[in-house]
């Protein structure tokens, strides 16, 4: 079973608290996810970000309806948080979000470690999954840059890690 890692970064010329507040609100994902995914947060009550919070989503991938639940396993505002798949399309999804003050602004970094299901068959799907994830995170970075009036972007890169 192969694992992969997605990495991307952007530098935002805003205060760290303002940048972090956009990411810690899961409802903002709707605005920064490609419309073709029909992405929705489906929790019955308002999500309060904290360690242990579960966030339920529904979306469409290539027209197929999917459900996804993530667990916030680490939460240290305004420096970082981790969401991990509790249930969904991956065997493993571990998404580290970090925010660091630099001389240029706030460095917003994403590191996603993921494993596809179905062993060898999942590995055969990796080129398609890779393209989708690069497009989703690329769209997200562009949407955030527009929302914030500019940002320096490092395009998403995915590599095999095992």
Protein backbone atom coordinates (compact mmCIF):
# COMPACT_ATOMS: atom_id res chain seq x y z
CA UNK A 1 0.00 0.00 0.00
CA UNK A 2 1.58 3.27 -1.13
CA UNK A 3 1.36 6.54 0.74
CA UNK A 4 1.60 10.00 -0.73
CA UNK A 5 2.20 13.50 0.51
CA UNK A 6 0.78 16.77 -0.81
CA UNK A 7 2.58 19.99 0.10
CA UNK A 8 1.66 23.57 -0.67
CA UNK A 9 2.39 26.99 0.76
CA UNK A 10 1.29 30.55 0.38
CA UNK A 11 2.50 33.80 1.96
CA UNK A 12 -0.28 36.16 3.01
CA UNK A 13 0.32 39.81 4.00
CA UNK A 14 -2.26 39.82 6.84
CA UNK A 15 -2.24 39.32 10.62
CA UNK A 16 -1.94 35.68 11.69
CA UNK A 17 -5.20 35.75 13.67
CA UNK A 18 -7.14 36.90 10.59
CA UNK A 19 -5.57 34.22 8.39
CA UNK A 20 -6.10 31.46 10.95
CA UNK A 21 -9.75 32.45 11.48
CA UNK A 22 -10.54 31.69 7.82
CA UNK A 23 -9.11 28.17 8.09
CA UNK A 24 -10.56 27.28 11.47
CA UNK A 25 -14.10 27.87 10.20
CA UNK A 26 -15.01 24.72 8.21
CA UNK A 27 -17.91 26.55 6.54
CA UNK A 28 -15.34 28.65 4.64
CA UNK A 29 -14.32 25.46 2.77
CA UNK A 30 -17.46 25.87 0.68
CA UNK A 31 -16.14 29.17 -0.74
CA UNK A 32 -12.64 27.87 -1.47
CA UNK A 33 -13.54 24.47 -2.99
CA UNK A 34 -14.25 24.09 -6.72
CA UNK A 35 -18.02 24.46 -7.29
CA UNK A 36 -18.04 21.24 -9.34
CA UNK A 37 -17.53 19.28 -6.09
CA UNK A 38 -20.82 20.55 -4.63
CA UNK A 39 -19.08 20.59 -1.23
CA UNK A 40 -21.22 20.95 1.93
CA UNK A 41 -20.75 20.76 5.69
CA UNK A 42 -23.58 18.57 6.99
CA UNK A 43 -23.23 18.73 10.79
CA UNK A 44 -26.67 19.14 12.39
CA UNK A 45 -25.27 21.80 14.77
CA UNK A 46 -22.71 24.58 14.29
CA UNK A 47 -19.15 23.19 14.36
CA UNK A 48 -16.99 24.52 17.21
CA UNK A 49 -13.32 23.97 16.40
CA UNK A 50 -11.51 22.14 19.18
CA UNK A 51 -9.64 18.89 19.70
CA UNK A 52 -12.17 16.10 19.22
CA UNK A 53 -14.52 18.04 16.93
CA UNK A 54 -16.04 15.94 14.15
CA UNK A 55 -16.91 17.63 10.88
CA UNK A 56 -19.21 15.88 8.41
CA UNK A 57 -19.14 16.71 4.69
CA UNK A 58 -20.86 15.66 1.51
CA UNK A 59 -19.44 16.30 -1.95
CA UNK A 60 -19.28 14.88 -5.45
CA UNK A 61 -16.14 13.52 -7.06
CA UNK A 62 -16.48 12.90 -10.79
CA UNK A 63 -20.26 12.97 -10.24
CA UNK A 64 -20.18 10.30 -7.52
CA UNK A 65 -21.74 11.40 -4.20
CA UNK A 66 -19.38 10.87 -1.25
CA UNK A 67 -19.47 11.43 2.50
CA UNK A 68 -16.48 12.33 4.59
CA UNK A 69 -15.95 12.85 8.32
CA UNK A 70 -12.85 14.46 9.76
CA UNK A 71 -11.65 14.61 13.34
CA UNK A 72 -9.73 17.60 14.66
CA UNK A 73 -6.90 15.75 16.41
CA UNK A 74 -4.72 18.78 17.23
CA UNK A 75 -5.72 22.42 17.64
CA UNK A 76 -3.29 25.19 18.65
CA UNK A 77 -4.61 28.56 17.45
CA UNK A 78 -3.24 30.50 15.68
CA UNK A 79 -0.25 28.26 14.90
CA UNK A 80 -1.64 24.93 13.65
CA UNK A 81 -4.33 22.32 13.57
CA UNK A 82 -4.68 18.79 12.20
CA UNK A 83 -7.71 17.19 10.64
CA UNK A 84 -7.74 13.44 10.09
CA UNK A 85 -10.24 11.37 8.18
CA UNK A 86 -12.51 9.46 10.52
CA UNK A 87 -14.50 7.97 7.64
CA UNK A 88 -14.38 8.62 3.93
CA UNK A 89 -12.76 7.77 0.62
CA UNK A 90 -9.13 7.36 1.79
CA UNK A 91 -7.53 4.65 3.88
CA UNK A 92 -5.62 7.45 5.62
CA UNK A 93 -5.86 11.24 5.45
CA UNK A 94 -3.79 13.37 7.84
CA UNK A 95 -3.85 17.11 7.07
CA UNK A 96 -1.50 19.41 8.98
CA UNK A 97 -2.27 23.14 8.63
CA UNK A 98 0.47 25.47 9.92
CA UNK A 99 0.67 29.26 10.15
CA UNK A 100 3.98 30.99 10.73
CA UNK A 101 4.95 34.65 10.85
CA UNK A 102 7.77 35.40 8.36
CA UNK A 103 9.37 38.65 7.19
CA UNK A 104 7.09 38.50 4.10
CA UNK A 105 3.84 37.75 5.95
CA UNK A 106 2.08 34.67 7.22
CA UNK A 107 3.31 31.38 5.72
CA UNK A 108 0.26 29.14 5.34
CA UNK A 109 1.40 25.56 4.82
CA UNK A 110 -0.53 22.39 4.11
CA UNK A 111 0.98 18.94 4.45
CA UNK A 112 -1.43 16.12 3.62
CA UNK A 113 -0.34 12.52 4.08
CA UNK A 114 -2.77 10.10 2.45
CA UNK A 115 -3.13 6.48 1.48
CA UNK A 116 -5.56 5.19 -1.12
CA UNK A 117 -7.77 2.15 -0.52
CA UNK A 118 -7.79 -1.08 -2.54
CA UNK A 119 -4.05 -1.81 -2.55
CA UNK A 120 -2.65 -2.14 -6.07
CA UNK A 121 -5.92 -0.96 -7.63
CA UNK A 122 -5.81 2.18 -5.50
CA UNK A 123 -2.24 2.73 -6.66
CA UNK A 124 -3.44 2.59 -10.26
CA UNK A 125 -5.90 5.40 -9.45
CA UNK A 126 -3.15 7.61 -7.95
CA UNK A 127 -2.50 9.63 -11.16
CA UNK A 128 -6.18 10.61 -11.25
CA UNK A 129 -6.32 11.33 -7.51
CA UNK A 130 -3.09 13.33 -7.74
CA UNK A 131 -4.49 15.51 -10.53
CA UNK A 132 -7.73 16.06 -8.59
CA UNK A 133 -5.97 17.02 -5.36
CA UNK A 134 -3.53 19.37 -7.12
CA UNK A 135 -6.51 21.03 -8.83
CA UNK A 136 -8.52 21.29 -5.59
CA UNK A 137 -5.65 22.76 -3.57
CA UNK A 138 -4.62 25.01 -6.47
CA UNK A 139 -8.19 26.34 -6.71
CA UNK A 140 -8.21 26.86 -2.96
CA UNK A 141 -5.00 28.88 -3.04
CA UNK A 142 -6.28 31.07 -5.88
CA UNK A 143 -9.61 31.65 -4.09
CA UNK A 144 -7.82 32.58 -0.87
CA UNK A 145 -5.42 34.92 -2.69
CA UNK A 146 -8.41 36.65 -4.29
CA UNK A 147 -10.24 36.84 -0.92
CA UNK A 148 -7.19 38.37 0.74
CA UNK A 149 -6.23 40.71 -2.10
CA UNK A 150 -3.09 38.80 -3.04
CA UNK A 151 -0.65 36.17 -1.87
CA UNK A 152 2.58 34.53 -2.96
CA UNK A 153 1.70 30.95 -3.90
CA UNK A 154 3.74 27.75 -4.16
CA UNK A 155 1.73 25.35 -6.28
CA UNK A 156 0.72 22.01 -4.74
CA UNK A 157 3.17 19.13 -5.18
CA UNK A 158 2.44 15.47 -4.48
CA UNK A 159 5.09 12.82 -4.03
CA UNK A 160 5.15 9.15 -3.01
CA UNK A 161 6.49 8.58 0.50
CA UNK A 162 6.55 4.78 0.61
